C-alpha cells in the first residue's frame, strides 16, 4: 500500500441541521397520569455526598415534566431541577414524593 492510499471511513459529518433526524417535542405525547411508569430513588453518587431524590421514567413533553418538578419542589419545600429526563429533588423526600404522586393519580409509581 502506498502512503497516498487513504482508508474510507463510514463516519460522516454534516453542518446541515436538516440532515440530522430528530424527534421534536411536539411529536412526543404525554401519557396520562395513570399510565406513567415513574420510579422514585435515592442517590448520593456524584453529588459531593449530598442526598437527592430522583424521579425518572416520565414519558412526555419537557414542559409537562418541568411543571411536575415545580409542584414536587413546592410540596417538599426544597430545591431541585429537571435535567436529562429526571426530576431531581434535594434531600431524602422519597415518601413525600411517592404520596404526592399517588394522590395525583400516578398509579404505576414505584419506590
PDB file of N, CA and C in Angstrom:
ATOM      1  N   UNK A   1       0.830  -1.175   0.000  1.00  0.00           N
ATOM      2  CA  UNK A   1       0.000   0.000   0.000  1.00  0.00           C
ATOM      3  C   UNK A   1       0.874   1.238   0.000  1.00  0.00           C
ATOM      4  N   UNK A   2       0.429   2.225  -0.701  1.00  0.00           N
ATOM      5  CA  UNK A   2       1.185   3.472  -0.737  1.00  0.00           C
ATOM      6  C   UNK A   2       0.684   4.414   0.338  1.00  0.00           C
ATOM      7  N   UNK A   3       1.461   5.442   0.607  1.00  0.00           N
ATOM      8  CA  UNK A   3       1.090   6.421   1.627  1.00  0.00           C
ATOM      9  C   UNK A   3      -0.114   7.258   1.203  1.00  0.00           C
ATOM     10  N   UNK A   4      -0.347   7.371  -0.075  1.00  0.00           N
ATOM     11  CA  UNK A   4      -1.455   8.182  -0.583  1.00  0.00           C
ATOM     12  C   UNK A   4      -2.791   7.454  -0.524  1.00  0.00           C
ATOM     13  N   UNK A   5      -2.764   6.157  -0.286  1.00  0.00           N
ATOM     14  CA  UNK A   5      -4.000   5.389  -0.225  1.00  0.00           C
ATOM     15  C   UNK A   5      -4.641   5.595   1.151  1.00  0.00           C
ATOM     16  N   UNK A   6      -5.751   6.302   1.186  1.00  0.00           N
ATOM     17  CA  UNK A   6      -6.436   6.590   2.451  1.00  0.00           C
ATOM     18  C   UNK A   6      -7.603   5.626   2.607  1.00  0.00           C
ATOM     19  N   UNK A   7      -7.823   5.206   3.836  1.00  0.00           N
ATOM     20  CA  UNK A   7      -8.943   4.300   4.081  1.00  0.00           C
ATOM     21  C   UNK A   7     -10.248   5.092   4.081  1.00  0.00           C
ATOM     22  N   UNK A   8     -11.290   4.431   3.670  1.00  0.00           N
ATOM     23  CA  UNK A   8     -12.606   5.048   3.607  1.00  0.00           C
ATOM     24  C   UNK A   8     -13.318   4.752   4.922  1.00  0.00           C
ATOM     25  N   UNK A   9     -13.830   5.789   5.531  1.00  0.00           N
ATOM     26  CA  UNK A   9     -14.500   5.652   6.816  1.00  0.00           C
ATOM     27  C   UNK A   9     -16.010   5.816   6.643  1.00  0.00           C
ATOM     28  N   UNK A  10     -16.780   5.177   7.495  1.00  0.00           N
ATOM     29  CA  UNK A  10     -18.231   5.294   7.455  1.00  0.00           C
ATOM     30  C   UNK A  10     -18.709   6.527   8.204  1.00  0.00           C
ATOM     31  N   UNK A  11     -17.810   7.233   8.868  1.00  0.00           N
ATOM     32  CA  UNK A  11     -18.161   8.413   9.642  1.00  0.00           C
ATOM     33  C   UNK A  11     -18.440   9.580   8.699  1.00  0.00           C
ATOM     34  N   UNK A  12     -19.587  10.213   8.897  1.00  0.00           N
ATOM     35  CA  UNK A  12     -19.987  11.347   8.064  1.00  0.00           C
ATOM     36  C   UNK A  12     -20.297  12.517   8.974  1.00  0.00           C
ATOM     37  N   UNK A  13     -19.859  13.703   8.586  1.00  0.00           N
ATOM     38  CA  UNK A  13     -20.116  14.912   9.358  1.00  0.00           C
ATOM     39  C   UNK A  13     -20.864  15.891   8.486  1.00  0.00           C
ATOM     40  N   UNK A  14     -21.896  16.485   9.044  1.00  0.00           N
ATOM     41  CA  UNK A  14     -22.670  17.454   8.300  1.00  0.00           C
ATOM     42  C   UNK A  14     -23.003  18.635   9.201  1.00  0.00           C
ATOM     43  N   UNK A  15     -22.935  19.827   8.639  1.00  0.00           N
ATOM     44  CA  UNK A  15     -23.320  21.027   9.382  1.00  0.00           C
ATOM     45  C   UNK A  15     -24.751  21.428   9.079  1.00  0.00           C
ATOM     46  N   UNK A  16     -25.397  20.699   8.207  1.00  0.00           N
ATOM     47  CA  UNK A  16     -26.778  20.990   7.843  1.00  0.00           C
ATOM     48  C   UNK A  16     -27.706  20.433   8.917  1.00  0.00           C
ATOM     49  N   UNK A  17     -28.461  21.283   9.648  1.00  0.00           N
ATOM     50  CA  UNK A  17     -29.342  20.772  10.699  1.00  0.00           C
ATOM     51  C   UNK A  17     -30.471  19.897  10.169  1.00  0.00           C
ATOM     52  N   UNK A  18     -30.843  20.051   8.914  1.00  0.00           N
ATOM     53  CA  UNK A  18     -31.902  19.230   8.339  1.00  0.00           C
ATOM     54  C   UNK A  18     -31.432  17.802   8.079  1.00  0.00           C
ATOM     55  N   UNK A  19     -30.134  17.577   8.041  1.00  0.00           N
ATOM     56  CA  UNK A  19     -29.592  16.255   7.763  1.00  0.00           C
ATOM     57  C   UNK A  19     -29.651  15.342   8.988  1.00  0.00           C
ATOM     58  N   UNK A  20     -29.850  15.914  10.164  1.00  0.00           N
ATOM     59  CA  UNK A  20     -29.870  15.134  11.396  1.00  0.00           C
ATOM     60  C   UNK A  20     -31.317  14.868  11.778  1.00  0.00           C
ATOM     61  N   UNK A  21     -31.730  13.608  11.776  1.00  0.00           N
ATOM     62  CA  UNK A  21     -33.107  13.323  12.183  1.00  0.00           C
ATOM     63  C   UNK A  21     -33.253  13.538  13.682  1.00  0.00           C
ATOM     64  N   UNK A  22     -34.293  14.220  14.059  1.00  0.00           N
ATOM     65  CA  UNK A  22     -34.528  14.459  15.475  1.00  0.00           C
ATOM     66  C   UNK A  22     -36.013  14.329  15.782  1.00  0.00           C
ATOM     67  N   UNK A  23     -36.287  14.059  17.036  1.00  0.00           N
ATOM     68  CA  UNK A  23     -37.665  13.959  17.494  1.00  0.00           C
ATOM     69  C   UNK A  23     -37.990  15.282  18.173  1.00  0.00           C
ATOM     70  N   UNK A  24     -38.950  15.984  17.629  1.00  0.00           N
ATOM     71  CA  UNK A  24     -39.299  17.260  18.228  1.00  0.00           C
ATOM     72  C   UNK A  24     -40.201  17.035  19.426  1.00  0.00           C
ATOM     73  N   UNK A  25     -40.307  18.046  20.262  1.00  0.00           N
ATOM     74  CA  UNK A  25     -41.123  17.953  21.464  1.00  0.00           C
ATOM     75  C   UNK A  25     -42.591  17.771  21.118  1.00  0.00           C
ATOM     76  N   UNK A  26     -43.020  18.275  19.964  1.00  0.00           N
ATOM     77  CA  UNK A  26     -44.416  18.174  19.575  1.00  0.00           C
ATOM     78  C   UNK A  26     -44.817  16.743  19.220  1.00  0.00           C
ATOM     79  N   UNK A  27     -43.854  15.916  18.794  1.00  0.00           N
ATOM     80  CA  UNK A  27     -44.160  14.549  18.403  1.00  0.00           C
ATOM     81  C   UNK A  27     -44.373  13.626  19.600  1.00  0.00           C
ATOM     82  N   UNK A  28     -43.799  13.966  20.753  1.00  0.00           N
ATOM     83  CA  UNK A  28     -43.924  13.135  21.940  1.00  0.00           C
ATOM     84  C   UNK A  28     -45.173  13.567  22.695  1.00  0.00           C
ATOM     85  N   UNK A  29     -46.073  12.626  22.893  1.00  0.00           N
ATOM     86  CA  UNK A  29     -47.291  12.932  23.637  1.00  0.00           C
ATOM     87  C   UNK A  29     -47.119  12.491  25.081  1.00  0.00           C
ATOM     88  N   UNK A  30     -47.609  13.297  25.989  1.00  0.00           N
ATOM     89  CA  UNK A  30     -47.537  12.964  27.405  1.00  0.00           C
ATOM     90  C   UNK A  30     -48.583  11.917  27.735  1.00  0.00           C
ATOM     91  N   UNK A  31     -48.129  10.841  28.364  1.00  0.00           N
ATOM     92  CA  UNK A  31     -49.046   9.785  28.786  1.00  0.00           C
ATOM     93  C   UNK A  31     -49.930  10.298  29.916  1.00  0.00           C
ATOM     94  N   UNK A  32     -51.131   9.746  30.055  1.00  0.00           N
ATOM     95  CA  UNK A  32     -51.978  10.126  31.190  1.00  0.00           C
ATOM     96  C   UNK A  32     -51.305   9.757  32.515  1.00  0.00           C
ATOM     97  N   UNK A  33     -51.714  10.419  33.587  1.00  0.00           N
ATOM     98  CA  UNK A  33     -51.080  10.199  34.894  1.00  0.00           C
ATOM     99  C   UNK A  33     -51.070   8.727  35.304  1.00  0.00           C
ATOM    100  N   UNK A  34     -52.145   8.020  35.079  1.00  0.00           N
ATOM    101  CA  UNK A  34     -52.227   6.627  35.490  1.00  0.00           C
ATOM    102  C   UNK A  34     -51.332   5.690  34.703  1.00  0.00           C
ATOM    103  N   UNK A  35     -50.867   6.111  33.541  1.00  0.00           N
ATOM    104  CA  UNK A  35     -50.031   5.253  32.695  1.00  0.00           C
ATOM    105  C   UNK A  35     -48.541   5.583  32.779  1.00  0.00           C
ATOM    106  N   UNK A  36     -48.169   6.606  33.542  1.00  0.00           N
ATOM    107  CA  UNK A  36     -46.757   6.996  33.651  1.00  0.00           C
ATOM    108  C   UNK A  36     -45.997   5.979  34.506  1.00  0.00           C
ATOM    109  N   UNK A  37     -44.948   5.348  33.967  1.00  0.00           N
ATOM    110  CA  UNK A  37     -44.169   4.376  34.739  1.00  0.00           C
ATOM    111  C   UNK A  37     -43.049   5.056  35.530  1.00  0.00           C
ATOM    112  N   UNK A  38     -43.384   5.851  36.528  1.00  0.00           N
ATOM    113  CA  UNK A  38     -42.387   6.614  37.271  1.00  0.00           C
ATOM    114  C   UNK A  38     -41.706   5.759  38.331  1.00  0.00           C
ATOM    115  N   UNK A  39     -40.421   6.038  38.566  1.00  0.00           N
ATOM    116  CA  UNK A  39     -39.633   5.369  39.597  1.00  0.00           C
ATOM    117  C   UNK A  39     -39.036   6.449  40.496  1.00  0.00           C
ATOM    118  N   UNK A  40     -39.052   6.214  41.800  1.00  0.00           N
ATOM    119  CA  UNK A  40     -38.511   7.157  42.774  1.00  0.00           C
ATOM    120  C   UNK A  40     -37.340   6.474  43.469  1.00  0.00           C
ATOM    121  N   UNK A  41     -36.145   7.096  43.389  1.00  0.00           N
ATOM    122  CA  UNK A  41     -34.954   6.509  44.012  1.00  0.00           C
ATOM    123  C   UNK A  41     -34.207   7.576  44.806  1.00  0.00           C
ATOM    124  N   UNK A  42     -33.326   7.128  45.671  1.00  0.00           N
ATOM    125  CA  UNK A  42     -32.454   7.994  46.454  1.00  0.00           C
ATOM    126  C   UNK A  42     -31.035   7.808  45.935  1.00  0.00           C
ATOM    127  N   UNK A  43     -30.314   8.897  45.757  1.00  0.00           N
ATOM    128  CA  UNK A  43     -28.965   8.800  45.206  1.00  0.00           C
ATOM    129  C   UNK A  43     -28.031   9.779  45.901  1.00  0.00           C
ATOM    130  N   UNK A  44     -26.775   9.357  46.098  1.00  0.00           N
ATOM    131  CA  UNK A  44     -25.748  10.238  46.649  1.00  0.00           C
ATOM    132  C   UNK A  44     -24.498  10.260  45.784  1.00  0.00           C
ATOM    133  N   UNK A  45     -24.409   9.384  44.810  1.00  0.00           N
ATOM    134  CA  UNK A  45     -23.217   9.311  43.969  1.00  0.00           C
ATOM    135  C   UNK A  45     -23.077  10.543  43.093  1.00  0.00           C
ATOM    136  N   UNK A  46     -21.857  10.990  42.898  1.00  0.00           N
ATOM    137  CA  UNK A  46     -21.508  12.101  42.009  1.00  0.00           C
ATOM    138  C   UNK A  46     -22.160  13.410  42.433  1.00  0.00           C
ATOM    139  N   UNK A  47     -22.475  13.548  43.718  1.00  0.00           N
ATOM    140  CA  UNK A  47     -23.123  14.767  44.193  1.00  0.00           C
ATOM    141  C   UNK A  47     -22.447  15.296  45.449  1.00  0.00           C
ATOM    142  N   UNK A  48     -21.166  15.044  45.588  1.00  0.00           N
ATOM    143  CA  UNK A  48     -20.362  15.510  46.714  1.00  0.00           C
ATOM    144  C   UNK A  48     -20.963  15.076  48.059  1.00  0.00           C
ATOM    145  N   UNK A  49     -21.539  13.884  48.110  1.00  0.00           N
ATOM    146  CA  UNK A  49     -22.095  13.359  49.335  1.00  0.00           C
ATOM    147  C   UNK A  49     -23.488  13.850  49.673  1.00  0.00           C
ATOM    148  N   UNK A  50     -24.045  14.719  48.861  1.00  0.00           N
ATOM    149  CA  UNK A  50     -25.400  15.236  49.097  1.00  0.00           C
ATOM    150  C   UNK A  50     -26.416  14.194  48.652  1.00  0.00           C
ATOM    151  N   UNK A  51     -27.505  14.101  49.384  1.00  0.00           N
ATOM    152  CA  UNK A  51     -28.566  13.159  49.072  1.00  0.00           C
ATOM    153  C   UNK A  51     -29.627  13.848  48.222  1.00  0.00           C
ATOM    154  N   UNK A  52     -30.072  13.180  47.168  1.00  0.00           N
ATOM    155  CA  UNK A  52     -31.146  13.700  46.325  1.00  0.00           C
ATOM    156  C   UNK A  52     -32.142  12.583  46.035  1.00  0.00           C
ATOM    157  N   UNK A  53     -33.384  12.984  45.845  1.00  0.00           N
ATOM    158  CA  UNK A  53     -34.437  12.070  45.429  1.00  0.00           C
ATOM    159  C   UNK A  53     -34.627  12.261  43.937  1.00  0.00           C
ATOM    160  N   UNK A  54     -34.594  11.180  43.182  1.00  0.00           N
ATOM    161  CA  UNK A  54     -34.697  11.261  41.727  1.00  0.00           C
ATOM    162  C   UNK A  54     -35.964  10.538  41.268  1.00  0.00           C
ATOM    163  N   UNK A  55     -36.716  11.215  40.411  1.00  0.00           N
ATOM    164  CA  UNK A  55     -37.900  10.628  39.793  1.00  0.00           C
ATOM    165  C   UNK A  55     -37.587  10.490  38.311  1.00  0.00           C
ATOM    166  N   UNK A  56     -37.639   9.288  37.777  1.00  0.00           N
ATOM    167  CA  UNK A  56     -37.350   9.086  36.365  1.00  0.00           C
ATOM    168  C   UNK A  56     -38.389   8.175  35.740  1.00  0.00           C
ATOM    169  N   UNK A  57     -38.388   8.117  34.420  1.00  0.00           N
ATOM    170  CA  UNK A  57     -39.327   7.281  33.685  1.00  0.00           C
ATOM    171  C   UNK A  57     -40.486   8.052  33.094  1.00  0.00           C
ATOM    172  N   UNK A  58     -40.470   9.383  33.201  1.00  0.00           N
ATOM    173  CA  UNK A  58     -41.563  10.189  32.681  1.00  0.00           C
ATOM    174  C   UNK A  58     -41.565  10.135  31.160  1.00  0.00           C
ATOM    175  N   UNK A  59     -42.736   9.919  30.570  1.00  0.00           N
ATOM    176  CA  UNK A  59     -42.886   9.885  29.124  1.00  0.00           C
ATOM    177  C   UNK A  59     -43.761  11.056  28.731  1.00  0.00           C
ATOM    178  N   UNK A  60     -43.173  12.011  28.001  1.00  0.00           N
ATOM    179  CA  UNK A  60     -43.964  13.150  27.568  1.00  0.00           C
ATOM    180  C   UNK A  60     -43.126  14.380  27.296  1.00  0.00           C
ATOM    181  N   UNK A  61     -43.808  15.495  27.220  1.00  0.00           N
ATOM    182  CA  UNK A  61     -43.172  16.763  26.881  1.00  0.00           C
ATOM    183  C   UNK A  61     -42.362  17.296  28.061  1.00  0.00           C
ATOM    184  N   UNK A  62     -41.299  18.010  27.730  1.00  0.00           N
ATOM    185  CA  UNK A  62     -40.420  18.593  28.741  1.00  0.00           C
ATOM    186  C   UNK A  62     -41.175  19.599  29.607  1.00  0.00           C
ATOM    187  N   UNK A  63     -42.073  20.366  29.011  1.00  0.00           N
ATOM    188  CA  UNK A  63     -42.820  21.361  29.786  1.00  0.00           C
ATOM    189  C   UNK A  63     -43.705  20.708  30.843  1.00  0.00           C
ATOM    190  N   UNK A  64     -44.286  19.549  30.510  1.00  0.00           N
ATOM    191  CA  UNK A  64     -45.101  18.821  31.485  1.00  0.00           C
ATOM    192  C   UNK A  64     -44.236  18.292  32.629  1.00  0.00           C
ATOM    193  N   UNK A  65     -43.050  17.792  32.296  1.00  0.00           N
ATOM    194  CA  UNK A  65     -42.150  17.292  33.320  1.00  0.00           C
ATOM    195  C   UNK A  65     -41.671  18.430  34.223  1.00  0.00           C
ATOM    196  N   UNK A  66     -41.423  19.597  33.645  1.00  0.00           N
ATOM    197  CA  UNK A  66     -40.999  20.745  34.438  1.00  0.00           C
ATOM    198  C   UNK A  66     -42.100  21.201  35.390  1.00  0.00           C
ATOM    199  N   UNK A  67     -43.351  21.135  34.946  1.00  0.00           N
ATOM    200  CA  UNK A  67     -44.449  21.537  35.825  1.00  0.00           C
ATOM    201  C   UNK A  67     -44.610  20.554  36.984  1.00  0.00           C
ATOM    202  N   UNK A  68     -44.408  19.261  36.745  1.00  0.00           N
ATOM    203  CA  UNK A  68     -44.453  18.278  37.822  1.00  0.00           C
ATOM    204  C   UNK A  68     -43.294  18.510  38.784  1.00  0.00           C
ATOM    205  N   UNK A  69     -42.130  18.796  38.234  1.00  0.00           N
ATOM    206  CA  UNK A  69     -40.961  19.078  39.070  1.00  0.00           C
ATOM    207  C   UNK A  69     -41.184  20.282  39.970  1.00  0.00           C
ATOM    208  N   UNK A  70     -41.775  21.324  39.428  1.00  0.00           N
ATOM    209  CA  UNK A  70     -42.052  22.530  40.218  1.00  0.00           C
ATOM    210  C   UNK A  70     -43.051  22.223  41.331  1.00  0.00           C
ATOM    211  N   UNK A  71     -44.090  21.456  41.013  1.00  0.00           N
ATOM    212  CA  UNK A  71     -45.091  21.100  42.020  1.00  0.00           C
ATOM    213  C   UNK A  71     -44.469  20.243  43.128  1.00  0.00           C
ATOM    214  N   UNK A  72     -43.582  19.329  42.756  1.00  0.00           N
ATOM    215  CA  UNK A  72     -42.932  18.487  43.761  1.00  0.00           C
ATOM    216  C   UNK A  72     -41.994  19.301  44.650  1.00  0.00           C
ATOM    217  N   UNK A  73     -41.271  20.250  44.069  1.00  0.00           N
ATOM    218  CA  UNK A  73     -40.386  21.103  44.864  1.00  0.00           C
ATOM    219  C   UNK A  73     -41.197  21.925  45.857  1.00  0.00           C
ATOM    220  N   UNK A  74     -42.347  22.443  45.428  1.00  0.00           N
ATOM    221  CA  UNK A  74     -43.209  23.198  46.336  1.00  0.00           C
ATOM    222  C   UNK A  74     -43.771  22.298  47.437  1.00  0.00           C
ATOM    223  N   UNK A  75     -44.187  21.106  47.076  1.00  0.00           N
ATOM    224  CA  UNK A  75     -44.758  20.173  48.043  1.00  0.00           C
ATOM    225  C   UNK A  75     -43.731  19.771  49.109  1.00  0.00           C
ATOM    226  N   UNK A  76     -42.491  19.542  48.677  1.00  0.00           N
ATOM    227  CA  UNK A  76     -41.442  19.122  49.611  1.00  0.00           C
ATOM    228  C   UNK A  76     -40.781  20.301  50.318  1.00  0.00           C
ATOM    229  N   UNK A  77     -40.975  21.502  49.806  1.00  0.00           N
ATOM    230  CA  UNK A  77     -40.371  22.684  50.409  1.00  0.00           C
ATOM    231  C   UNK A  77     -38.869  22.717  50.258  1.00  0.00           C
ATOM    232  N   UNK A  78     -38.386  22.311  49.098  1.00  0.00           N
ATOM    233  CA  UNK A  78     -36.951  22.246  48.864  1.00  0.00           C
ATOM    234  C   UNK A  78     -36.634  22.588  47.415  1.00  0.00           C
ATOM    235  N   UNK A  79     -35.370  22.622  47.086  1.00  0.00           N
ATOM    236  CA  UNK A  79     -34.946  22.921  45.728  1.00  0.00           C
ATOM    237  C   UNK A  79     -34.825  21.673  44.887  1.00  0.00           C
ATOM    238  N   UNK A  80     -34.461  21.883  43.645  1.00  0.00           N
ATOM    239  CA  UNK A  80     -34.284  20.767  42.735  1.00  0.00           C
ATOM    240  C   UNK A  80     -34.204  21.251  41.312  1.00  0.00           C
ATOM    241  N   UNK A  81     -34.237  20.324  40.379  1.00  0.00           N
ATOM    242  CA  UNK A  81     -34.151  20.677  38.965  1.00  0.00           C
ATOM    243  C   UNK A  81     -34.707  19.543  38.111  1.00  0.00           C
ATOM    244  N   UNK A  82     -34.835  19.846  36.825  1.00  0.00           N
ATOM    245  CA  UNK A  82     -35.243  18.852  35.841  1.00  0.00           C
ATOM    246  C   UNK A  82     -34.122  18.804  34.812  1.00  0.00           C
ATOM    247  N   UNK A  83     -33.419  17.658  34.759  1.00  0.00           N
ATOM    248  CA  UNK A  83     -32.291  17.504  33.852  1.00  0.00           C
ATOM    249  C   UNK A  83     -32.312  16.117  33.226  1.00  0.00           C
ATOM    250  N   UNK A  84     -32.048  16.064  31.947  1.00  0.00           N
ATOM    251  CA  UNK A  84     -31.833  14.807  31.227  1.00  0.00           C
ATOM    252  C   UNK A  84     -32.914  13.760  31.515  1.00  0.00           C
ATOM    253  N   UNK A  85     -34.149  14.179  31.529  1.00  0.00           N
ATOM    254  CA  UNK A  85     -35.253  13.256  31.716  1.00  0.00           C
ATOM    255  C   UNK A  85     -35.483  12.823  33.148  1.00  0.00           C
ATOM    256  N   UNK A  86     -34.873  13.512  34.114  1.00  0.00           N
ATOM    257  CA  UNK A  86     -35.034  13.187  35.515  1.00  0.00           C
ATOM    258  C   UNK A  86     -35.484  14.417  36.287  1.00  0.00           C
ATOM    259  N   UNK A  87     -36.326  14.198  37.276  1.00  0.00           N
ATOM    260  CA  UNK A  87     -36.701  15.257  38.200  1.00  0.00           C
ATOM    261  C   UNK A  87     -35.869  15.030  39.455  1.00  0.00           C
ATOM    262  N   UNK A  88     -35.078  16.021  39.828  1.00  0.00           N
ATOM    263  CA  UNK A  88     -34.166  15.897  40.961  1.00  0.00           C
ATOM    264  C   UNK A  88     -34.670  16.796  42.086  1.00  0.00           C
ATOM    265  N   UNK A  89     -34.918  16.206  43.262  1.00  0.00           N
ATOM    266  CA  UNK A  89     -35.374  16.927  44.443  1.00  0.00           C
ATOM    267  C   UNK A  89     -34.272  16.812  45.499  1.00  0.00           C
ATOM    268  N   UNK A  90     -33.833  17.934  46.043  1.00  0.00           N
ATOM    269  CA  UNK A  90     -32.760  17.917  47.036  1.00  0.00           C
ATOM    270  C   UNK A  90     -33.244  17.320  48.343  1.00  0.00           C
ATOM    271  N   UNK A  91     -32.470  16.376  48.880  1.00  0.00           N
ATOM    272  CA  UNK A  91     -32.797  15.750  50.149  1.00  0.00           C
ATOM    273  C   UNK A  91     -33.515  14.423  49.971  1.00  0.00           C
ATOM    274  N   UNK A  92     -33.735  13.742  51.095  1.00  0.00           N
ATOM    275  CA  UNK A  92     -34.428  12.456  51.095  1.00  0.00           C
ATOM    276  C   UNK A  92     -35.920  12.711  51.301  1.00  0.00           C
ATOM    277  N   UNK A  93     -36.663  12.775  50.212  1.00  0.00           N
ATOM    278  CA  UNK A  93     -38.096  13.048  50.246  1.00  0.00           C
ATOM    279  C   UNK A  93     -38.865  11.947  49.515  1.00  0.00           C
ATOM    280  N   UNK A  94     -38.366  10.717  49.572  1.00  0.00           N
ATOM    281  CA  UNK A  94     -38.999   9.623  48.831  1.00  0.00           C
ATOM    282  C   UNK A  94     -40.454   9.420  49.224  1.00  0.00           C
ATOM    283  N   UNK A  95     -40.735   9.389  50.523  1.00  0.00           N
ATOM    284  CA  UNK A  95     -42.104   9.135  50.970  1.00  0.00           C
ATOM    285  C   UNK A  95     -43.044  10.274  50.587  1.00  0.00           C
ATOM    286  N   UNK A  96     -42.596  11.523  50.743  1.00  0.00           N
ATOM    287  CA  UNK A  96     -43.421  12.673  50.360  1.00  0.00           C
ATOM    288  C   UNK A  96     -43.715  12.657  48.869  1.00  0.00           C
ATOM    289  N   UNK A  97     -42.682  12.397  48.070  1.00  0.00           N
ATOM    290  CA  UNK A  97     -42.845  12.371  46.616  1.00  0.00           C
ATOM    291  C   UNK A  97     -43.777  11.237  46.214  1.00  0.00           C
ATOM    292  N   UNK A  98     -43.570  10.061  46.801  1.00  0.00           N
ATOM    293  CA  UNK A  98     -44.394   8.904  46.472  1.00  0.00           C
ATOM    294  C   UNK A  98     -45.860   9.175  46.810  1.00  0.00           C
ATOM    295  N   UNK A  99     -46.135   9.720  47.992  1.00  0.00           N
ATOM    296  CA  UNK A  99     -47.509  10.020  48.389  1.00  0.00           C
ATOM    297  C   UNK A  99     -48.128  11.089  47.493  1.00  0.00           C
ATOM    298  N   UNK A 100     -47.358  12.110  47.137  1.00  0.00           N
ATOM    299  CA  UNK A 100     -47.864  13.172  46.261  1.00  0.00           C
ATOM    300  C   UNK A 100     -48.238  12.611  44.886  1.00  0.00           C
ATOM    301  N   UNK A 101     -47.373  11.787  44.325  1.00  0.00           N
ATOM    302  CA  UNK A 101     -47.639  11.215  43.007  1.00  0.00           C
ATOM    303  C   UNK A 101     -48.851  10.286  43.046  1.00  0.00           C
ATOM    304  N   UNK A 102     -48.997   9.496  44.099  1.00  0.00           N
ATOM    305  CA  UNK A 102     -50.179   8.633  44.242  1.00  0.00           C
ATOM    306  C   UNK A 102     -51.448   9.481  44.329  1.00  0.00           C
ATOM    307  N   UNK A 103     -51.373  10.584  45.072  1.00  0.00           N
ATOM    308  CA  UNK A 103     -52.521  11.478  45.238  1.00  0.00           C
ATOM    309  C   UNK A 103     -52.935  12.096  43.905  1.00  0.00           C
ATOM    310  N   UNK A 104     -51.964  12.382  43.031  1.00  0.00           N
ATOM    311  CA  UNK A 104     -52.237  12.993  41.736  1.00  0.00           C
ATOM    312  C   UNK A 104     -52.601  11.970  40.666  1.00  0.00           C
ATOM    313  N   UNK A 105     -52.669  10.697  41.011  1.00  0.00           N
ATOM    314  CA  UNK A 105     -53.131   9.684  40.070  1.00  0.00           C
ATOM    315  C   UNK A 105     -52.049   8.937  39.333  1.00  0.00           C
ATOM    316  N   UNK A 106     -50.794   9.061  39.746  1.00  0.00           N
ATOM    317  CA  UNK A 106     -49.709   8.312  39.113  1.00  0.00           C
ATOM    318  C   UNK A 106     -49.664   6.936  39.786  1.00  0.00           C
ATOM    319  N   UNK A 107     -50.476   6.002  39.294  1.00  0.00           N
ATOM    320  CA  UNK A 107     -50.667   4.718  39.937  1.00  0.00           C
ATOM    321  C   UNK A 107     -49.539   3.741  39.707  1.00  0.00           C
ATOM    322  N   UNK A 108     -48.755   3.913  38.668  1.00  0.00           N
ATOM    323  CA  UNK A 108     -47.677   2.967  38.369  1.00  0.00           C
ATOM    324  C   UNK A 108     -46.354   3.388  39.002  1.00  0.00           C
ATOM    325  N   UNK A 109     -46.375   4.311  39.930  1.00  0.00           N
ATOM    326  CA  UNK A 109     -45.170   4.797  40.590  1.00  0.00           C
ATOM    327  C   UNK A 109     -44.640   3.722  41.528  1.00  0.00           C
ATOM    328  N   UNK A 110     -43.306   3.533  41.520  1.00  0.00           N
ATOM    329  CA  UNK A 110     -42.657   2.551  42.390  1.00  0.00           C
ATOM    330  C   UNK A 110     -41.507   3.210  43.122  1.00  0.00           C
ATOM    331  N   UNK A 111     -41.304   2.788  44.361  1.00  0.00           N
ATOM    332  CA  UNK A 111     -40.156   3.246  45.146  1.00  0.00           C
ATOM    333  C   UNK A 111     -38.957   2.407  44.827  1.00  0.00           C
TER     334      UNK A 111
END
